[in-house]
Amino acid sequence: PLLGLLPCPPTRWDALGELTPAAPRDFLAVVTAPPSLSPTAEREWLERNREWLMDELGEHGALHFKGFRLPATSAGLRDFCSALPLVPCADPLASVGVRSLLSAPDGVYEAVNAESLSKTFIG
């Protein structure tokens, strides 16, 4: 594995080699940080709401976390994700250099190698 990270799970394809269609659903659920929480309290909130958040992820396919301070750094993002049952994995596009690995221990990649998105992180 690249830098100790496990490979990401493979995409599921159907028998004809096409992406397996999913039932129609909203693609993204927005999760807004409770007001005035410290990063430590945010992690505790994530742990208390883990089951609900994973249900939302399963229903929608993606979560957009807004207003959280904990993931402002690479280590904070790793801590944020570890409060949920999320495991870092190697970027499947790592071999073509689309994104830079910012923190191998935390499994954090730059979104893309573009100045306009240099402060956007993917974990």
PDB file of N, CA and C in Angstrom:
ATOM      1  N   PRO A   1       0.815  -1.198   0.000  1.00  0.00           N
ATOM      2  CA  PRO A   1       0.000   0.000   0.000  1.00  0.00           C
ATOM      3  C   PRO A   1       0.858   1.260   0.000  1.00  0.00           C
ATOM      4  N   LEU A   2       0.382   2.267  -0.671  1.00  0.00           N
ATOM      5  CA  LEU A   2       1.069   3.535  -0.769  1.00  0.00           C
ATOM      6  C   LEU A   2       1.208   4.177   0.599  1.00  0.00           C
ATOM      7  N   LEU A   3       2.461   4.371   1.043  1.00  0.00           N
ATOM      8  CA  LEU A   3       2.746   5.052   2.299  1.00  0.00           C
ATOM      9  C   LEU A   3       1.952   4.499   3.475  1.00  0.00           C
ATOM     10  N   GLY A   4       1.674   3.197   3.479  1.00  0.00           N
ATOM     11  CA  GLY A   4       0.977   2.579   4.584  1.00  0.00           C
ATOM     12  C   GLY A   4      -0.537   2.717   4.554  1.00  0.00           C
ATOM     13  N   LEU A   5      -1.077   3.424   3.546  1.00  0.00           N
ATOM     14  CA  LEU A   5      -2.533   3.557   3.431  1.00  0.00           C
ATOM     15  C   LEU A   5      -3.083   2.372   2.647  1.00  0.00           C
ATOM     16  N   LEU A   6      -4.232   1.879   3.059  1.00  0.00           N
ATOM     17  CA  LEU A   6      -4.879   0.797   2.337  1.00  0.00           C
ATOM     18  C   LEU A   6      -5.482   1.319   1.043  1.00  0.00           C
ATOM     19  N   PRO A   7      -5.623   0.451   0.029  1.00  0.00           N
ATOM     20  CA  PRO A   7      -6.306   0.896  -1.199  1.00  0.00           C
ATOM     21  C   PRO A   7      -7.760   1.241  -0.900  1.00  0.00           C
ATOM     22  N   CYS A   8      -8.312   2.187  -1.644  1.00  0.00           N
ATOM     23  CA  CYS A   8      -9.731   2.523  -1.487  1.00  0.00           C
ATOM     24  C   CYS A   8     -10.577   1.370  -2.008  1.00  0.00           C
ATOM     25  N   PRO A   9     -11.777   1.194  -1.464  1.00  0.00           N
ATOM     26  CA  PRO A   9     -12.652   0.132  -1.963  1.00  0.00           C
ATOM     27  C   PRO A   9     -12.939   0.340  -3.448  1.00  0.00           C
ATOM     28  N   PRO A  10     -13.039  -0.761  -4.198  1.00  0.00           N
ATOM     29  CA  PRO A  10     -13.309  -0.623  -5.633  1.00  0.00           C
ATOM     30  C   PRO A  10     -14.739  -0.161  -5.912  1.00  0.00           C
ATOM     31  N   THR A  11     -14.909   0.477  -7.056  1.00  0.00           N
ATOM     32  CA  THR A  11     -16.243   0.846  -7.522  1.00  0.00           C
ATOM     33  C   THR A  11     -16.987  -0.434  -7.889  1.00  0.00           C
ATOM     34  N   ARG A  12     -18.258  -0.491  -7.566  1.00  0.00           N
ATOM     35  CA  ARG A  12     -19.050  -1.680  -7.921  1.00  0.00           C
ATOM     36  C   ARG A  12     -19.617  -1.513  -9.322  1.00  0.00           C
ATOM     37  N   TRP A  13     -19.356  -2.484 -10.171  1.00  0.00           N
ATOM     38  CA  TRP A  13     -19.817  -2.465 -11.552  1.00  0.00           C
ATOM     39  C   TRP A  13     -20.824  -3.592 -11.743  1.00  0.00           C
ATOM     40  N   ASP A  14     -21.745  -3.439 -12.686  1.00  0.00           N
ATOM     41  CA  ASP A  14     -22.697  -4.517 -12.944  1.00  0.00           C
ATOM     42  C   ASP A  14     -22.083  -5.495 -13.951  1.00  0.00           C
ATOM     43  N   ALA A  15     -22.828  -6.526 -14.349  1.00  0.00           N
ATOM     44  CA  ALA A  15     -22.322  -7.572 -15.233  1.00  0.00           C
ATOM     45  C   ALA A  15     -21.926  -7.037 -16.607  1.00  0.00           C
ATOM     46  N   LEU A  16     -22.466  -5.903 -17.035  1.00  0.00           N
ATOM     47  CA  LEU A  16     -22.146  -5.348 -18.342  1.00  0.00           C
ATOM     48  C   LEU A  16     -20.981  -4.357 -18.268  1.00  0.00           C
ATOM     49  N   GLY A  17     -20.359  -4.237 -17.106  1.00  0.00           N
ATOM     50  CA  GLY A  17     -19.238  -3.335 -16.961  1.00  0.00           C
ATOM     51  C   GLY A  17     -19.651  -1.885 -16.823  1.00  0.00           C
ATOM     52  N   GLU A  18     -20.895  -1.650 -16.430  1.00  0.00           N
ATOM     53  CA  GLU A  18     -21.383  -0.285 -16.240  1.00  0.00           C
ATOM     54  C   GLU A  18     -21.594  -0.052 -14.752  1.00  0.00           C
ATOM     55  N   LEU A  19     -21.530   1.204 -14.353  1.00  0.00           N
ATOM     56  CA  LEU A  19     -21.797   1.509 -12.951  1.00  0.00           C
ATOM     57  C   LEU A  19     -23.180   1.006 -12.573  1.00  0.00           C
ATOM     58  N   THR A  20     -23.275   0.358 -11.428  1.00  0.00           N
ATOM     59  CA  THR A  20     -24.567  -0.137 -10.958  1.00  0.00           C
ATOM     60  C   THR A  20     -25.432   1.048 -10.548  1.00  0.00           C
ATOM     61  N   PRO A  21     -26.610   1.205 -11.163  1.00  0.00           N
ATOM     62  CA  PRO A  21     -27.460   2.351 -10.804  1.00  0.00           C
ATOM     63  C   PRO A  21     -27.986   2.222  -9.380  1.00  0.00           C
ATOM     64  N   ALA A  22     -28.044   3.332  -8.720  1.00  0.00           N
ATOM     65  CA  ALA A  22     -28.600   3.366  -7.368  1.00  0.00           C
ATOM     66  C   ALA A  22     -30.022   3.893  -7.442  1.00  0.00           C
ATOM     67  N   ALA A  23     -30.767   3.610  -6.413  1.00  0.00           N
ATOM     68  CA  ALA A  23     -32.119   4.153  -6.349  1.00  0.00           C
ATOM     69  C   ALA A  23     -32.026   5.682  -6.314  1.00  0.00           C
ATOM     70  N   PRO A  24     -32.975   6.374  -6.931  1.00  0.00           N
ATOM     71  CA  PRO A  24     -32.929   7.844  -6.900  1.00  0.00           C
ATOM     72  C   PRO A  24     -32.904   8.356  -5.462  1.00  0.00           C
ATOM     73  N   ARG A  25     -32.045   9.349  -5.214  1.00  0.00           N
ATOM     74  CA  ARG A  25     -31.930   9.922  -3.876  1.00  0.00           C
ATOM     75  C   ARG A  25     -31.232  11.269  -3.973  1.00  0.00           C
ATOM     76  N   ASP A  26     -31.388  12.052  -2.931  1.00  0.00           N
ATOM     77  CA  ASP A  26     -30.602  13.271  -2.838  1.00  0.00           C
ATOM     78  C   ASP A  26     -29.156  12.852  -2.691  1.00  0.00           C
ATOM     79  N   PHE A  27     -28.267  13.478  -3.437  1.00  0.00           N
ATOM     80  CA  PHE A  27     -26.866  13.076  -3.435  1.00  0.00           C
ATOM     81  C   PHE A  27     -26.113  13.568  -2.211  1.00  0.00           C
ATOM     82  N   LEU A  28     -26.530  14.655  -1.628  1.00  0.00           N
ATOM     83  CA  LEU A  28     -25.737  15.291  -0.594  1.00  0.00           C
ATOM     84  C   LEU A  28     -26.613  15.734   0.572  1.00  0.00           C
ATOM     85  N   ALA A  29     -26.183  15.400   1.778  1.00  0.00           N
ATOM     86  CA  ALA A  29     -26.867  15.889   2.984  1.00  0.00           C
ATOM     87  C   ALA A  29     -25.938  16.883   3.672  1.00  0.00           C
ATOM     88  N   VAL A  30     -26.456  18.026   4.057  1.00  0.00           N
ATOM     89  CA  VAL A  30     -25.668  19.048   4.741  1.00  0.00           C
ATOM     90  C   VAL A  30     -25.779  18.826   6.250  1.00  0.00           C
ATOM     91  N   VAL A  31     -24.619  18.800   6.916  1.00  0.00           N
ATOM     92  CA  VAL A  31     -24.563  18.662   8.372  1.00  0.00           C
ATOM     93  C   VAL A  31     -23.875  19.926   8.893  1.00  0.00           C
ATOM     94  N   THR A  32     -24.608  20.742   9.616  1.00  0.00           N
ATOM     95  CA  THR A  32     -24.091  22.012  10.126  1.00  0.00           C
ATOM     96  C   THR A  32     -23.638  21.846  11.572  1.00  0.00           C
ATOM     97  N   ALA A  33     -22.468  22.389  11.865  1.00  0.00           N
ATOM     98  CA  ALA A  33     -21.925  22.289  13.224  1.00  0.00           C
ATOM     99  C   ALA A  33     -22.839  22.966  14.220  1.00  0.00           C
ATOM    100  N   PRO A  34     -23.048  22.339  15.367  1.00  0.00           N
ATOM    101  CA  PRO A  34     -23.775  23.033  16.432  1.00  0.00           C
ATOM    102  C   PRO A  34     -23.005  24.305  16.797  1.00  0.00           C
ATOM    103  N   PRO A  35     -23.690  25.372  17.159  1.00  0.00           N
ATOM    104  CA  PRO A  35     -23.007  26.644  17.436  1.00  0.00           C
ATOM    105  C   PRO A  35     -22.109  26.590  18.672  1.00  0.00           C
ATOM    106  N   SER A  36     -21.020  27.337  18.590  1.00  0.00           N
ATOM    107  CA  SER A  36     -20.146  27.609  19.740  1.00  0.00           C
ATOM    108  C   SER A  36     -19.514  26.384  20.375  1.00  0.00           C
ATOM    109  N   LEU A  37     -19.187  25.364  19.593  1.00  0.00           N
ATOM    110  CA  LEU A  37     -18.500  24.205  20.160  1.00  0.00           C
ATOM    111  C   LEU A  37     -17.000  24.320  19.912  1.00  0.00           C
ATOM    112  N   SER A  38     -16.208  23.897  20.871  1.00  0.00           N
ATOM    113  CA  SER A  38     -14.769  23.804  20.691  1.00  0.00           C
ATOM    114  C   SER A  38     -14.484  22.596  19.795  1.00  0.00           C
ATOM    115  N   PRO A  39     -13.287  22.497  19.208  1.00  0.00           N
ATOM    116  CA  PRO A  39     -12.967  21.300  18.425  1.00  0.00           C
ATOM    117  C   PRO A  39     -13.146  20.005  19.225  1.00  0.00           C
ATOM    118  N   THR A  40     -12.780  20.015  20.505  1.00  0.00           N
ATOM    119  CA  THR A  40     -12.967  18.821  21.337  1.00  0.00           C
ATOM    120  C   THR A  40     -14.448  18.490  21.475  1.00  0.00           C
ATOM    121  N   ALA A  41     -15.283  19.490  21.685  1.00  0.00           N
ATOM    122  CA  ALA A  41     -16.727  19.271  21.799  1.00  0.00           C
ATOM    123  C   ALA A  41     -17.318  18.834  20.459  1.00  0.00           C
ATOM    124  N   GLU A  42     -16.761  19.322  19.351  1.00  0.00           N
ATOM    125  CA  GLU A  42     -17.227  18.872  18.031  1.00  0.00           C
ATOM    126  C   GLU A  42     -16.983  17.372  17.876  1.00  0.00           C
ATOM    127  N   ARG A  43     -15.795  16.910  18.276  1.00  0.00           N
ATOM    128  CA  ARG A  43     -15.493  15.476  18.170  1.00  0.00           C
ATOM    129  C   ARG A  43     -16.473  14.674  19.017  1.00  0.00           C
ATOM    130  N   GLU A  44     -16.748  15.136  20.232  1.00  0.00           N
ATOM    131  CA  GLU A  44     -17.714  14.454  21.100  1.00  0.00           C
ATOM    132  C   GLU A  44     -19.095  14.441  20.468  1.00  0.00           C
ATOM    133  N   TRP A  45     -19.495  15.539  19.814  1.00  0.00           N
ATOM    134  CA  TRP A  45     -20.795  15.605  19.134  1.00  0.00           C
ATOM    135  C   TRP A  45     -20.838  14.580  17.997  1.00  0.00           C
ATOM    136  N   LEU A  46     -19.741  14.479  17.236  1.00  0.00           N
ATOM    137  CA  LEU A  46     -19.673  13.489  16.152  1.00  0.00           C
ATOM    138  C   LEU A  46     -19.832  12.075  16.693  1.00  0.00           C
ATOM    139  N   GLU A  47     -19.147  11.782  17.782  1.00  0.00           N
ATOM    140  CA  GLU A  47     -19.235  10.445  18.381  1.00  0.00           C
ATOM    141  C   GLU A  47     -20.651  10.147  18.871  1.00  0.00           C
ATOM    142  N   ARG A  48     -21.302  11.122  19.491  1.00  0.00           N
ATOM    143  CA  ARG A  48     -22.681  10.924  19.981  1.00  0.00           C
ATOM    144  C   ARG A  48     -23.665  10.724  18.825  1.00  0.00           C
ATOM    145  N   ASN A  49     -23.382  11.347  17.685  1.00  0.00           N
ATOM    146  CA  ASN A  49     -24.304  11.298  16.543  1.00  0.00           C
ATOM    147  C   ASN A  49     -23.816  10.387  15.426  1.00  0.00           C
ATOM    148  N   ARG A  50     -22.835   9.552  15.722  1.00  0.00           N
ATOM    149  CA  ARG A  50     -22.209   8.673  14.725  1.00  0.00           C
ATOM    150  C   ARG A  50     -23.231   7.826  13.956  1.00  0.00           C
ATOM    151  N   GLU A  51     -24.121   7.167  14.661  1.00  0.00           N
ATOM    152  CA  GLU A  51     -25.088   6.277  14.001  1.00  0.00           C
ATOM    153  C   GLU A  51     -25.982   7.065  13.045  1.00  0.00           C
ATOM    154  N   TRP A  52     -26.492   8.197  13.488  1.00  0.00           N
ATOM    155  CA  TRP A  52     -27.334   9.039  12.631  1.00  0.00           C
ATOM    156  C   TRP A  52     -26.547   9.518  11.411  1.00  0.00           C
ATOM    157  N   LEU A  53     -25.304   9.960  11.620  1.00  0.00           N
ATOM    158  CA  LEU A  53     -24.482  10.447  10.505  1.00  0.00           C
ATOM    159  C   LEU A  53     -24.212   9.340   9.489  1.00  0.00           C
ATOM    160  N   MET A  54     -23.928   8.130   9.946  1.00  0.00           N
ATOM    161  CA  MET A  54     -23.677   7.024   9.021  1.00  0.00           C
ATOM    162  C   MET A  54     -24.955   6.624   8.286  1.00  0.00           C
ATOM    163  N   ASP A  55     -26.101   6.730   8.962  1.00  0.00           N
ATOM    164  CA  ASP A  55     -27.380   6.488   8.281  1.00  0.00           C
ATOM    165  C   ASP A  55     -27.595   7.523   7.179  1.00  0.00           C
ATOM    166  N   GLU A  56     -27.297   8.798   7.489  1.00  0.00           N
ATOM    167  CA  GLU A  56     -27.422   9.868   6.491  1.00  0.00           C
ATOM    168  C   GLU A  56     -26.481   9.630   5.313  1.00  0.00           C
ATOM    169  N   LEU A  57     -25.265   9.197   5.605  1.00  0.00           N
ATOM    170  CA  LEU A  57     -24.303   8.895   4.539  1.00  0.00           C
ATOM    171  C   LEU A  57     -24.825   7.772   3.650  1.00  0.00           C
ATOM    172  N   GLY A  58     -25.362   6.736   4.269  1.00  0.00           N
ATOM    173  CA  GLY A  58     -25.911   5.629   3.500  1.00  0.00           C
ATOM    174  C   GLY A  58     -27.102   6.035   2.648  1.00  0.00           C
ATOM    175  N   GLU A  59     -27.927   6.919   3.186  1.00  0.00           N
ATOM    176  CA  GLU A  59     -29.117   7.369   2.455  1.00  0.00           C
ATOM    177  C   GLU A  59     -28.763   8.308   1.312  1.00  0.00           C
ATOM    178  N   HIS A  60     -27.828   9.217   1.554  1.00  0.00           N
ATOM    179  CA  HIS A  60     -27.542  10.263   0.563  1.00  0.00           C
ATOM    180  C   HIS A  60     -26.307  10.007  -0.279  1.00  0.00           C
ATOM    181  N   GLY A  61     -25.356   9.235   0.225  1.00  0.00           N
ATOM    182  CA  GLY A  61     -24.138   8.967  -0.535  1.00  0.00           C
ATOM    183  C   GLY A  61     -23.006   9.933  -0.252  1.00  0.00           C
ATOM    184  N   ALA A  62     -23.297  11.092   0.317  1.00  0.00           N
ATOM    185  CA  ALA A  62     -22.262  12.076   0.651  1.00  0.00           C
ATOM    186  C   ALA A  62     -22.787  13.006   1.738  1.00  0.00           C
ATOM    187  N   LEU A  63     -21.876  13.467   2.578  1.00  0.00           N
ATOM    188  CA  LEU A  63     -22.216  14.443   3.614  1.00  0.00           C
ATOM    189  C   LEU A  63     -21.354  15.680   3.412  1.00  0.00           C
ATOM    190  N   HIS A  64     -21.958  16.848   3.555  1.00  0.00           N
ATOM    191  CA  HIS A  64     -21.230  18.118   3.490  1.00  0.00           C
ATOM    192  C   HIS A  64     -21.256  18.714   4.882  1.00  0.00           C
ATOM    193  N   PHE A  65     -20.108  18.663   5.564  1.00  0.00           N
ATOM    194  CA  PHE A  65     -20.001  19.198   6.908  1.00  0.00           C
ATOM    195  C   PHE A  65     -19.675  20.681   6.806  1.00  0.00           C
ATOM    196  N   LYS A  66     -20.531  21.518   7.397  1.00  0.00           N
ATOM    197  CA  LYS A  66     -20.347  22.973   7.341  1.00  0.00           C
ATOM    198  C   LYS A  66     -20.153  23.547   8.737  1.00  0.00           C
ATOM    199  N   GLY A  67     -19.199  24.477   8.850  1.00  0.00           N
ATOM    200  CA  GLY A  67     -19.026  25.208  10.090  1.00  0.00           C
ATOM    201  C   GLY A  67     -18.236  24.504  11.172  1.00  0.00           C
ATOM    202  N   PHE A  68     -17.673  23.343  10.898  1.00  0.00           N
ATOM    203  CA  PHE A  68     -16.877  22.628  11.892  1.00  0.00           C
ATOM    204  C   PHE A  68     -15.450  23.179  11.888  1.00  0.00           C
ATOM    205  N   ARG A  69     -14.873  23.351  13.087  1.00  0.00           N
ATOM    206  CA  ARG A  69     -13.511  23.874  13.203  1.00  0.00           C
ATOM    207  C   ARG A  69     -12.474  22.771  13.310  1.00  0.00           C
ATOM    208  N   LEU A  70     -12.855  21.603  13.792  1.00  0.00           N
ATOM    209  CA  LEU A  70     -11.905  20.510  14.000  1.00  0.00           C
ATOM    210  C   LEU A  70     -11.128  20.150  12.730  1.00  0.00           C
ATOM    211  N   PRO A  71     -11.744  20.032  11.562  1.00  0.00           N
ATOM    212  CA  PRO A  71     -10.991  19.612  10.383  1.00  0.00           C
ATOM    213  C   PRO A  71     -10.208  20.727   9.674  1.00  0.00           C
ATOM    214  N   ALA A  72      -9.826  21.776  10.400  1.00  0.00           N
ATOM    215  CA  ALA A  72      -9.101  22.887   9.782  1.00  0.00           C
ATOM    216  C   ALA A  72      -7.643  22.539   9.472  1.00  0.00           C
ATOM    217  N   THR A  73      -7.118  21.459  10.062  1.00  0.00           N
ATOM    218  CA  THR A  73      -5.754  21.005   9.786  1.00  0.00           C
ATOM    219  C   THR A  73      -5.805  19.548   9.342  1.00  0.00           C
ATOM    220  N   SER A  74      -4.703  19.045   8.798  1.00  0.00           N
ATOM    221  CA  SER A  74      -4.654  17.637   8.384  1.00  0.00           C
ATOM    222  C   SER A  74      -4.912  16.704   9.561  1.00  0.00           C
ATOM    223  N   ALA A  75      -4.234  16.957  10.681  1.00  0.00           N
ATOM    224  CA  ALA A  75      -4.430  16.110  11.857  1.00  0.00           C
ATOM    225  C   ALA A  75      -5.851  16.255  12.404  1.00  0.00           C
ATOM    226  N   GLY A  76      -6.404  17.458  12.347  1.00  0.00           N
ATOM    227  CA  GLY A  76      -7.777  17.671  12.786  1.00  0.00           C
ATOM    228  C   GLY A  76      -8.784  16.945  11.912  1.00  0.00           C
ATOM    229  N   LEU A  77      -8.528  16.935  10.595  1.00  0.00           N
ATOM    230  CA  LEU A  77      -9.411  16.202   9.684  1.00  0.00           C
ATOM    231  C   LEU A  77      -9.366  14.716   9.989  1.00  0.00           C
ATOM    232  N   ARG A  78      -8.169  14.183  10.256  1.00  0.00           N
ATOM    233  CA  ARG A  78      -8.041  12.762  10.599  1.00  0.00           C
ATOM    234  C   ARG A  78      -8.806  12.476  11.892  1.00  0.00           C
ATOM    235  N   ASP A  79      -8.686  13.356  12.883  1.00  0.00           N
ATOM    236  CA  ASP A  79      -9.401  13.193  14.148  1.00  0.00           C
ATOM    237  C   ASP A  79     -10.905  13.254  13.918  1.00  0.00           C
ATOM    238  N   PHE A  80     -11.336  14.174  13.076  1.00  0.00           N
ATOM    239  CA  PHE A  80     -12.747  14.326  12.711  1.00  0.00           C
ATOM    240  C   PHE A  80     -13.277  13.017  12.133  1.00  0.00           C
ATOM    241  N   CYS A  81     -12.543  12.474  11.161  1.00  0.00           N
ATOM    242  CA  CYS A  81     -12.986  11.232  10.506  1.00  0.00           C
ATOM    243  C   CYS A  81     -12.928  10.030  11.445  1.00  0.00           C
ATOM    244  N   SER A  82     -11.947  10.021  12.360  1.00  0.00           N
ATOM    245  CA  SER A  82     -11.840   8.875  13.264  1.00  0.00           C
ATOM    246  C   SER A  82     -12.959   8.849  14.299  1.00  0.00           C
ATOM    247  N   ALA A  83     -13.649   9.976  14.481  1.00  0.00           N
ATOM    248  CA  ALA A  83     -14.811   9.991  15.368  1.00  0.00           C
ATOM    249  C   ALA A  83     -15.965   9.207  14.745  1.00  0.00           C
ATOM    250  N   LEU A  84     -15.868   8.984  13.447  1.00  0.00           N
ATOM    251  CA  LEU A  84     -16.851   8.194  12.700  1.00  0.00           C
ATOM    252  C   LEU A  84     -16.143   6.922  12.235  1.00  0.00           C
ATOM    253  N   PRO A  85     -16.843   5.908  11.799  1.00  0.00           N
ATOM    254  CA  PRO A  85     -16.141   4.703  11.334  1.00  0.00           C
ATOM    255  C   PRO A  85     -15.618   4.874   9.902  1.00  0.00           C
ATOM    256  N   LEU A  86     -14.745   5.873   9.702  1.00  0.00           N
ATOM    257  CA  LEU A  86     -14.162   6.145   8.389  1.00  0.00           C
ATOM    258  C   LEU A  86     -12.668   5.874   8.447  1.00  0.00           C
ATOM    259  N   VAL A  87     -12.151   5.144   7.484  1.00  0.00           N
ATOM    260  CA  VAL A  87     -10.745   4.744   7.459  1.00  0.00           C
ATOM    261  C   VAL A  87     -10.075   5.411   6.261  1.00  0.00           C
ATOM    262  N   PRO A  88      -8.918   6.057   6.465  1.00  0.00           N
ATOM    263  CA  PRO A  88      -8.240   6.677   5.319  1.00  0.00           C
ATOM    264  C   PRO A  88      -7.767   5.620   4.330  1.00  0.00           C
ATOM    265  N   CYS A  89      -7.758   5.982   3.066  1.00  0.00           N
ATOM    266  CA  CYS A  89      -7.274   5.062   2.041  1.00  0.00           C
ATOM    267  C   CYS A  89      -6.452   5.841   1.022  1.00  0.00           C
ATOM    268  N   ALA A  90      -5.653   5.109   0.272  1.00  0.00           N
ATOM    269  CA  ALA A  90      -4.799   5.718  -0.745  1.00  0.00           C
ATOM    270  C   ALA A  90      -5.655   6.231  -1.899  1.00  0.00           C
ATOM    271  N   ASP A  91      -5.313   7.383  -2.417  1.00  0.00           N
ATOM    272  CA  ASP A  91      -6.015   7.967  -3.558  1.00  0.00           C
ATOM    273  C   ASP A  91      -5.822   7.050  -4.768  1.00  0.00           C
ATOM    274  N   PRO A  92      -6.897   6.575  -5.393  1.00  0.00           N
ATOM    275  CA  PRO A  92      -6.742   5.706  -6.561  1.00  0.00           C
ATOM    276  C   PRO A  92      -6.067   6.422  -7.732  1.00  0.00           C
ATOM    277  N   LEU A  93      -6.016   7.750  -7.697  1.00  0.00           N
ATOM    278  CA  LEU A  93      -5.354   8.511  -8.758  1.00  0.00           C
ATOM    279  C   LEU A  93      -3.939   8.936  -8.368  1.00  0.00           C
ATOM    280  N   ALA A  94      -3.398   8.389  -7.280  1.00  0.00           N
ATOM    281  CA  ALA A  94      -2.079   8.804  -6.803  1.00  0.00           C
ATOM    282  C   ALA A  94      -0.991   8.615  -7.850  1.00  0.00           C
ATOM    283  N   SER A  95      -1.096   7.558  -8.643  1.00  0.00           N
ATOM    284  CA  SER A  95      -0.040   7.279  -9.617  1.00  0.00           C
ATOM    285  C   SER A  95       0.020   8.297 -10.748  1.00  0.00           C
ATOM    286  N   VAL A  96      -1.044   9.058 -10.962  1.00  0.00           N
ATOM    287  CA  VAL A  96      -1.019  10.060 -12.031  1.00  0.00           C
ATOM    288  C   VAL A  96      -0.797  11.469 -11.492  1.00  0.00           C
ATOM    289  N   GLY A  97      -0.644  11.605 -10.193  1.00  0.00           N
ATOM    290  CA  GLY A  97      -0.280  12.879  -9.596  1.00  0.00           C
ATOM    291  C   GLY A  97      -1.319  13.975  -9.687  1.00  0.00           C
ATOM    292  N   VAL A  98      -2.603  13.615  -9.698  1.00  0.00           N
ATOM    293  CA  VAL A  98      -3.654  14.617  -9.765  1.00  0.00           C
ATOM    294  C   VAL A  98      -3.724  15.417  -8.467  1.00  0.00           C
ATOM    295  N   ARG A  99      -3.504  14.733  -7.336  1.00  0.00           N
ATOM    296  CA  ARG A  99      -3.574  15.395  -6.029  1.00  0.00           C
ATOM    297  C   ARG A  99      -2.309  15.094  -5.253  1.00  0.00           C
ATOM    298  N   SER A 100      -1.867  16.057  -4.486  1.00  0.00           N
ATOM    299  CA  SER A 100      -0.695  15.870  -3.635  1.00  0.00           C
ATOM    300  C   SER A 100      -1.118  15.278  -2.297  1.00  0.00           C
ATOM    301  N   LEU A 101      -0.290  14.370  -1.781  1.00  0.00           N
ATOM    302  CA  LEU A 101      -0.510  13.827  -0.446  1.00  0.00           C
ATOM    303  C   LEU A 101       0.063  14.826   0.542  1.00  0.00           C
ATOM    304  N   LEU A 102      -0.793  15.417   1.370  1.00  0.00           N
ATOM    305  CA  LEU A 102      -0.361  16.435   2.321  1.00  0.00           C
ATOM    306  C   LEU A 102       0.116  15.829   3.632  1.00  0.00           C
ATOM    307  N   SER A 103      -0.507  14.736   4.042  1.00  0.00           N
ATOM    308  CA  SER A 103      -0.155  14.102   5.308  1.00  0.00           C
ATOM    309  C   SER A 103      -0.415  12.603   5.199  1.00  0.00           C
ATOM    310  N   ALA A 104       0.658  11.831   4.999  1.00  0.00           N
ATOM    311  CA  ALA A 104       0.507  10.384   4.864  1.00  0.00           C
ATOM    312  C   ALA A 104      -0.099   9.734   6.103  1.00  0.00           C
ATOM    313  N   PRO A 105       0.360  10.072   7.330  1.00  0.00           N
ATOM    314  CA  PRO A 105      -0.237   9.421   8.501  1.00  0.00           C
ATOM    315  C   PRO A 105      -1.729   9.703   8.651  1.00  0.00           C
ATOM    316  N   ASP A 106      -2.157  10.878   8.183  1.00  0.00           N
ATOM    317  CA  ASP A 106      -3.559  11.256   8.314  1.00  0.00           C
ATOM    318  C   ASP A 106      -4.378  10.900   7.089  1.00  0.00           C
ATOM    319  N   GLY A 107      -3.732  10.478   5.992  1.00  0.00           N
ATOM    320  CA  GLY A 107      -4.446  10.135   4.765  1.00  0.00           C
ATOM    321  C   GLY A 107      -5.143  11.331   4.150  1.00  0.00           C
ATOM    322  N   VAL A 108      -4.484  12.498   4.167  1.00  0.00           N
ATOM    323  CA  VAL A 108      -5.095  13.731   3.657  1.00  0.00           C
ATOM    324  C   VAL A 108      -4.406  14.156   2.373  1.00  0.00           C
ATOM    325  N   TYR A 109      -5.223  14.352   1.344  1.00  0.00           N
ATOM    326  CA  TYR A 109      -4.751  14.792   0.039  1.00  0.00           C
ATOM    327  C   TYR A 109      -5.250  16.196  -0.245  1.00  0.00           C
ATOM    328  N   GLU A 110      -4.485  16.924  -1.048  1.00  0.00           N
ATOM    329  CA  GLU A 110      -4.965  18.200  -1.563  1.00  0.00           C
ATOM    330  C   GLU A 110      -6.077  17.873  -2.553  1.00  0.00           C
ATOM    331  N   ALA A 111      -7.103  18.723  -2.650  1.00  0.00           N
ATOM    332  CA  ALA A 111      -8.232  18.439  -3.548  1.00  0.00           C
ATOM    333  C   ALA A 111      -7.749  18.278  -4.988  1.00  0.00           C
ATOM    334  N   VAL A 112      -7.031  19.237  -5.492  1.00  0.00           N
ATOM    335  CA  VAL A 112      -6.413  19.167  -6.821  1.00  0.00           C
ATOM    336  C   VAL A 112      -5.184  20.060  -6.789  1.00  0.00           C
ATOM    337  N   ASN A 113      -4.304  19.881  -7.743  1.00  0.00           N
ATOM    338  CA  ASN A 113      -3.117  20.722  -7.817  1.00  0.00           C
ATOM    339  C   ASN A 113      -3.442  22.008  -8.560  1.00  0.00           C
ATOM    340  N   ALA A 114      -4.277  22.835  -7.956  1.00  0.00           N
ATOM    341  CA  ALA A 114      -4.659  24.117  -8.545  1.00  0.00           C
ATOM    342  C   ALA A 114      -4.626  25.169  -7.445  1.00  0.00           C
ATOM    343  N   GLU A 115      -4.025  26.315  -7.726  1.00  0.00           N
ATOM    344  CA  GLU A 115      -3.909  27.375  -6.724  1.00  0.00           C
ATOM    345  C   GLU A 115      -5.264  27.761  -6.135  1.00  0.00           C
ATOM    346  N   SER A 116      -6.291  27.804  -6.979  1.00  0.00           N
ATOM    347  CA  SER A 116      -7.610  28.233  -6.493  1.00  0.00           C
ATOM    348  C   SER A 116      -8.208  27.280  -5.464  1.00  0.00           C
ATOM    349  N   LEU A 117      -7.748  26.028  -5.432  1.00  0.00           N
ATOM    350  CA  LEU A 117      -8.271  25.055  -4.481  1.00  0.00           C
ATOM    351  C   LEU A 117      -7.215  24.578  -3.496  1.00  0.00           C
ATOM    352  N   SER A 118      -6.146  25.343  -3.331  1.00  0.00           N
ATOM    353  CA  SER A 118      -5.032  24.899  -2.506  1.00  0.00           C
ATOM    354  C   SER A 118      -5.381  24.723  -1.027  1.00  0.00           C
ATOM    355  N   LYS A 119      -6.463  25.301  -0.560  1.00  0.00           N
ATOM    356  CA  LYS A 119      -6.869  25.160   0.838  1.00  0.00           C
ATOM    357  C   LYS A 119      -8.061  24.209   0.996  1.00  0.00           C
ATOM    358  N   THR A 120      -8.358  23.425  -0.030  1.00  0.00           N
ATOM    359  CA  THR A 120      -9.445  22.455   0.011  1.00  0.00           C
ATOM    360  C   THR A 120      -8.827  21.075   0.234  1.00  0.00           C
ATOM    361  N   PHE A 121      -9.320  20.328   1.227  1.00  0.00           N
ATOM    362  CA  PHE A 121      -8.729  19.037   1.572  1.00  0.00           C
ATOM    363  C   PHE A 121      -9.718  17.898   1.373  1.00  0.00           C
ATOM    364  N   ILE A 122      -9.172  16.739   1.047  1.00  0.00           N
ATOM    365  CA  ILE A 122      -9.953  15.512   0.883  1.00  0.00           C
ATOM    366  C   ILE A 122      -9.324  14.473   1.781  1.00  0.00           C
ATOM    367  N   GLY A 123     -10.121  13.748   2.555  1.00  0.00           N
ATOM    368  CA  GLY A 123      -9.555  12.724   3.442  1.00  0.00           C
ATOM    369  C   GLY A 123     -10.344  11.464   3.353  1.00  0.00           C
TER     370      GLY A 123
END
